[in-house]
Amino acid sequence: MMQTVGVVGAGTMGVGIAYVFAATGSEVTVVEPDRERIRLARKTIQEQAAIAYQRGKLDGAAMSSIAERVRWVSATDDLPAGLELAVEAVPERADLKRDVLARMESREPVVLATNTSGIGIGELAAGLRWPGAFVGLHFFNPVWSMPLVEIVRGRQTGDVALSRAGIAVAQIGKEKIIVADAPGFATSRLGVVIGLEAMRMLEDGVASAEDIDRAMELGYRHPMGPLRLSDLVGLDVRLDIATHLVKTYGSRFEPPAILVDKVAAGDLGRKTGRGFYTW
C-alpha cells in the first residue's frame, strides 16, 4: 500500500487521484496555488465521499476521514520528502510538465509519475536525474468510477517503479494495462481519433451530435458517445492532445476547425457549461 502520496494540480484529474488514494487509506498532499480551486476541490472530495457513503461503498467513519487525509499546500517545494508515490496532474503541455516534474523529483519520491494522456514518457523524462523511477499513470475521468489505469513504461523506467505502479493501481481497485512509450499510448490514440472524426462528421452535417453519439452507444456498445466524452474530458485537453499527436502521426490527428473554434470561444465542455452539449 502507498502510505504517502503527493499530487501536483487540483484540477479535475488531480482531485480524482487525490480522492481515490485518500479513500483507500493513503495520506495525500496536494499542491495547488489557487485558493478558489482548493475550495472547489475540497467540496468535490466531500461530495464524492458522501455519494460513496450513500451507495454503501464507505461507512460513516471512512466517509468522514477522507477529507482529513488530504493536506493542501501551495508549492511543490512543500511536498513531504520521500513520498512513496508522487503524481503530476497539470495541464497537457510538455514544457510545463517537465518543469513540474523536475521540482517534484527534488523531493525524492520513491516513484514519480505523470498523468499525461498523450505526451511521451521519454520526452518528459529528458530533464530528470533518476528516470528509472519515472512512469506514466494515465487515469481516466471521473477517476473514482472509471476502472482503468494505463501504466506507461518508458525506455528507462525500472522494474521497481513499474512494480510499485502496479501496486498503487491495485490499491485503488483499478485494472491496469501496461503499454510501451509512444505518443498517445493505446487509449488516447484510439479515443482521440474517434473523437476527431465525430467532430468532422458534425462539421459536415452528417448527423447531429446526439445521433452521432447514439450511433456509437447503440451500434458499438460504447458507454458514452465520442462527442459527449470529449465534453467530459475537456475540449481544451482534446485540442492539446491532438496538436501533440499530429506532430508524430500526421494529418489524421489534425484538429478540426469546430474544435479549434470552440476552444477559442471558451466552450470547453462540461467544466464551462457548454461544448458540443449544454451542461
Foldseek 3Di string as FASTA:
>chain_A
DFQEEEEEDLDQARLLVLLLCLLLHHQYEYAAQDPVSVVVSLVVSLVVLVVCCVVVNDPPVSSVCSSVSYHYDHDLLPGAAAGQEYEYDDAQDLVVLLVSQQSNCVSPYQAYEYQHQFDFLCSSCVPPPQSLRYWYWHADPPNLPDQETEIEDEPNHHPVNVVSSVVVSVSSRHDYDYFYTDGNTPPRVVLLLQLQVLVVCVVVVVDANVVQFVCCCPVVVDVTGSQLSQLRVWLVRSVSSLVVVCVPPNDSSPHDPLSVVCVVVVQTHVVVQHDSDGD
